[in-house]
Amino acid sequence: MNRTELVIKLFNPNECGISRWVSKDECVGEFESLYPTNGNMWYRNRGVKKYKLETDYSNSNIRWRFNGLANNEIPRTIKPEIWDDIRNKPCVVTGLKFTNGHKIEVDHKDGRYPQDVLNIETQKNEDFQPLLESLNKQKRSDCGKCKKTSARFDAIKKGFNVAVTEGTLNYEGTCVGCYWFDVADFISKLNIK
């Protein structure tokens, strides 16, 4: 088997380009040539570059997974009735409405786009939130950093007295508790006495 075939066999991504987490400790035996020595040489192979690679440095054992297709991404279609409903609500951060001349975008709360939210048959209103276009771009940037580093957004940077309301600043398989995941829920949890 060539290196690309080994990577595909080890990661076993589904048709959407999503795989399980693979630890560097699994790069033994048949997969020994995939063990990282100077970066991920195997990810430079043309047949593997079609997948988005996510790296987790959260512990001493580096691990990776494929998290979607780099090209031909799965469309992020939103059911029209959900789009209409969310778009007509005020921004959850500023309270400004579309009618005030501000562009409201319908934001996927989970910046990692889980399959049930991408599927218009299973998505629900509560999977989305209204954000001003500029805030949605800021969130997208912060979520991108989290995907690369597994370090969740620290809400203290926005002046809050807590970093997250659930979990830790280290991404552990869920966005719940992060400021950007559900701004209204985050704020409501701070007001509980």
Foldseek 3Di string as FASTA:
>chain_A
DDLLVLVCVQQVADPFFWGDKAWLVVCDDVNVVQRDDPPRPSCPDPSNVQFDKFWEPPDVIIIIITQGGPPPHQDQDEDVVLQVVQLQFAALVPRDHVVVVFGKGWAQLDLSDDPLNSDNVRRDSVRTHIHTPVVSVVVNVQVVVCRHYQFHAQCVVVVDPGGFQDDHRGNDPDPHRHCSSDVNVNVVVVPDD
